[in-house]
N, C-alpha and C. Protein backbone atom coordinates (compact mmCIF):
# COMPACT_ATOMS: atom_id res chain seq x y z
N MET A 1 -2.33 16.99 -5.19
CA MET A 1 -1.68 15.84 -4.57
C MET A 1 -1.71 16.01 -3.06
N THR A 2 -1.95 14.93 -2.36
CA THR A 2 -1.97 14.97 -0.90
C THR A 2 -0.55 14.93 -0.36
N GLN A 3 -0.40 15.24 0.90
CA GLN A 3 0.91 15.24 1.52
C GLN A 3 1.48 13.82 1.54
N ALA A 4 2.73 13.70 1.17
CA ALA A 4 3.39 12.40 1.11
C ALA A 4 3.71 11.90 2.52
N LYS A 5 3.68 10.59 2.69
CA LYS A 5 4.08 9.94 3.94
C LYS A 5 5.04 8.82 3.59
N GLY A 6 5.90 8.50 4.51
CA GLY A 6 6.83 7.40 4.30
C GLY A 6 7.21 6.78 5.63
N ILE A 7 7.72 5.59 5.57
CA ILE A 7 8.15 4.90 6.79
C ILE A 7 9.35 4.02 6.44
N ALA A 8 10.20 3.81 7.40
CA ALA A 8 11.36 2.95 7.22
C ALA A 8 11.43 1.99 8.40
N TYR A 9 12.11 0.90 8.19
CA TYR A 9 12.30 -0.09 9.25
C TYR A 9 13.78 -0.37 9.38
N LEU A 10 14.26 -0.47 10.60
CA LEU A 10 15.66 -0.77 10.87
C LEU A 10 15.73 -2.03 11.71
N PHE A 11 16.27 -3.08 11.11
CA PHE A 11 16.42 -4.37 11.78
C PHE A 11 17.88 -4.69 12.00
N THR A 12 18.21 -5.35 13.09
CA THR A 12 19.54 -5.89 13.27
C THR A 12 19.63 -7.19 12.46
N ASN A 13 20.82 -7.64 12.20
CA ASN A 13 21.04 -8.83 11.38
C ASN A 13 20.94 -10.09 12.24
N GLU A 14 19.74 -10.35 12.73
CA GLU A 14 19.47 -11.54 13.54
C GLU A 14 17.99 -11.87 13.43
N SER A 15 17.59 -13.01 13.94
CA SER A 15 16.20 -13.42 13.88
C SER A 15 15.32 -12.53 14.75
N HIS A 16 14.16 -12.20 14.22
CA HIS A 16 13.19 -11.39 14.97
C HIS A 16 11.83 -12.09 15.00
N THR A 17 11.85 -13.40 15.08
CA THR A 17 10.64 -14.20 15.09
C THR A 17 9.72 -13.78 16.23
N GLY A 18 8.47 -13.55 15.88
CA GLY A 18 7.47 -13.21 16.87
C GLY A 18 7.43 -11.75 17.28
N GLU A 19 8.35 -10.94 16.77
CA GLU A 19 8.36 -9.52 17.11
C GLU A 19 7.50 -8.73 16.12
N GLN A 20 6.90 -7.67 16.58
CA GLN A 20 6.08 -6.81 15.73
C GLN A 20 6.97 -5.91 14.88
N TYR A 21 6.67 -5.85 13.59
CA TYR A 21 7.43 -4.95 12.71
C TYR A 21 7.37 -3.52 13.19
N SER A 22 6.27 -3.12 13.77
CA SER A 22 6.10 -1.74 14.20
C SER A 22 7.16 -1.32 15.23
N SER A 23 7.72 -2.26 15.97
CA SER A 23 8.74 -1.90 16.95
C SER A 23 10.07 -1.52 16.29
N PHE A 24 10.20 -1.79 14.99
CA PHE A 24 11.42 -1.45 14.25
C PHE A 24 11.22 -0.24 13.33
N ALA A 25 10.04 0.37 13.39
CA ALA A 25 9.73 1.51 12.52
C ALA A 25 10.53 2.73 12.94
N THR A 26 10.93 3.50 11.95
CA THR A 26 11.66 4.75 12.18
C THR A 26 11.36 5.68 11.01
N THR A 27 11.97 6.83 11.01
CA THR A 27 11.77 7.75 9.89
C THR A 27 12.77 7.47 8.78
N ILE A 28 12.42 7.86 7.59
CA ILE A 28 13.35 7.74 6.46
C ILE A 28 14.58 8.61 6.72
N ASN A 29 14.37 9.78 7.32
CA ASN A 29 15.51 10.65 7.66
C ASN A 29 16.51 9.94 8.56
N ALA A 30 16.03 9.15 9.52
CA ALA A 30 16.93 8.44 10.42
C ALA A 30 17.80 7.45 9.65
N ILE A 31 17.21 6.77 8.68
CA ILE A 31 17.98 5.81 7.87
C ILE A 31 18.96 6.55 6.96
N GLU A 32 18.52 7.66 6.38
CA GLU A 32 19.41 8.46 5.53
C GLU A 32 20.60 8.97 6.34
N ASP A 33 20.36 9.41 7.58
CA ASP A 33 21.45 9.89 8.43
C ASP A 33 22.46 8.78 8.72
N ARG A 34 21.97 7.58 8.97
CA ARG A 34 22.85 6.45 9.28
C ARG A 34 23.66 5.98 8.08
N THR A 35 23.04 6.03 6.90
CA THR A 35 23.68 5.48 5.71
C THR A 35 24.40 6.51 4.86
N GLY A 36 24.02 7.78 5.00
CA GLY A 36 24.58 8.81 4.13
C GLY A 36 23.98 8.79 2.73
N ILE A 37 22.88 8.07 2.56
CA ILE A 37 22.23 7.95 1.25
C ILE A 37 20.97 8.82 1.25
N ASP A 38 20.78 9.60 0.19
CA ASP A 38 19.54 10.36 -0.01
C ASP A 38 18.66 9.53 -0.91
N PHE A 39 17.70 8.84 -0.34
CA PHE A 39 16.88 7.89 -1.09
C PHE A 39 15.98 8.54 -2.13
N PHE A 40 15.60 9.77 -1.91
CA PHE A 40 14.68 10.45 -2.82
C PHE A 40 15.33 11.70 -3.42
N ALA A 41 16.55 11.59 -3.83
CA ALA A 41 17.31 12.73 -4.34
C ALA A 41 16.64 13.39 -5.55
N ASN A 42 15.90 12.64 -6.34
CA ASN A 42 15.27 13.19 -7.54
C ASN A 42 13.83 13.63 -7.32
N VAL A 43 13.36 13.59 -6.08
CA VAL A 43 12.00 14.01 -5.76
C VAL A 43 12.07 15.46 -5.25
N PRO A 44 11.16 16.32 -5.72
CA PRO A 44 11.17 17.71 -5.24
C PRO A 44 11.09 17.78 -3.71
N VAL A 45 11.83 18.73 -3.14
CA VAL A 45 11.93 18.86 -1.68
C VAL A 45 10.57 18.98 -1.00
N GLU A 46 9.62 19.68 -1.63
CA GLU A 46 8.31 19.86 -0.98
C GLU A 46 7.55 18.55 -0.80
N PHE A 47 7.90 17.52 -1.57
CA PHE A 47 7.30 16.19 -1.39
C PHE A 47 8.20 15.30 -0.55
N GLN A 48 9.50 15.46 -0.74
CA GLN A 48 10.48 14.62 -0.06
C GLN A 48 10.47 14.82 1.46
N GLU A 49 10.51 16.06 1.91
CA GLU A 49 10.64 16.33 3.33
C GLU A 49 9.50 15.78 4.19
N PRO A 50 8.24 16.00 3.80
CA PRO A 50 7.16 15.44 4.65
C PRO A 50 7.22 13.91 4.74
N ALA A 51 7.54 13.26 3.64
CA ALA A 51 7.61 11.79 3.65
C ALA A 51 8.75 11.30 4.52
N GLU A 52 9.89 11.96 4.45
CA GLU A 52 11.06 11.51 5.19
C GLU A 52 10.95 11.78 6.69
N GLN A 53 10.10 12.71 7.08
CA GLN A 53 9.97 13.08 8.48
C GLN A 53 8.75 12.48 9.16
N THR A 54 7.98 11.68 8.43
CA THR A 54 6.76 11.11 9.00
C THR A 54 7.08 10.37 10.29
N ASN A 55 6.38 10.72 11.34
CA ASN A 55 6.56 10.07 12.63
C ASN A 55 5.93 8.69 12.59
N LYS A 56 6.61 7.70 13.10
CA LYS A 56 6.11 6.33 13.03
C LYS A 56 4.77 6.14 13.75
N GLN A 57 4.43 7.01 14.69
CA GLN A 57 3.15 6.89 15.39
C GLN A 57 1.97 7.20 14.46
N LEU A 58 2.21 7.86 13.32
CA LEU A 58 1.14 8.18 12.40
C LEU A 58 0.71 6.96 11.59
N TRP A 59 1.48 5.91 11.62
CA TRP A 59 1.14 4.72 10.82
C TRP A 59 0.31 3.80 11.63
């Protein structure tokens, strides 16, 4: 299996017409820190960590 990648987006609750989605990209870890939710709790750590830490510039 190849190394896992993941991406998250954080939007404010308002219209974002004409804005690029990429400007709202962040890491899954950043969203987990804000929410206190472990989104991949049932995924083995060796797969979970690389995906959650993927830098948005890699996308």
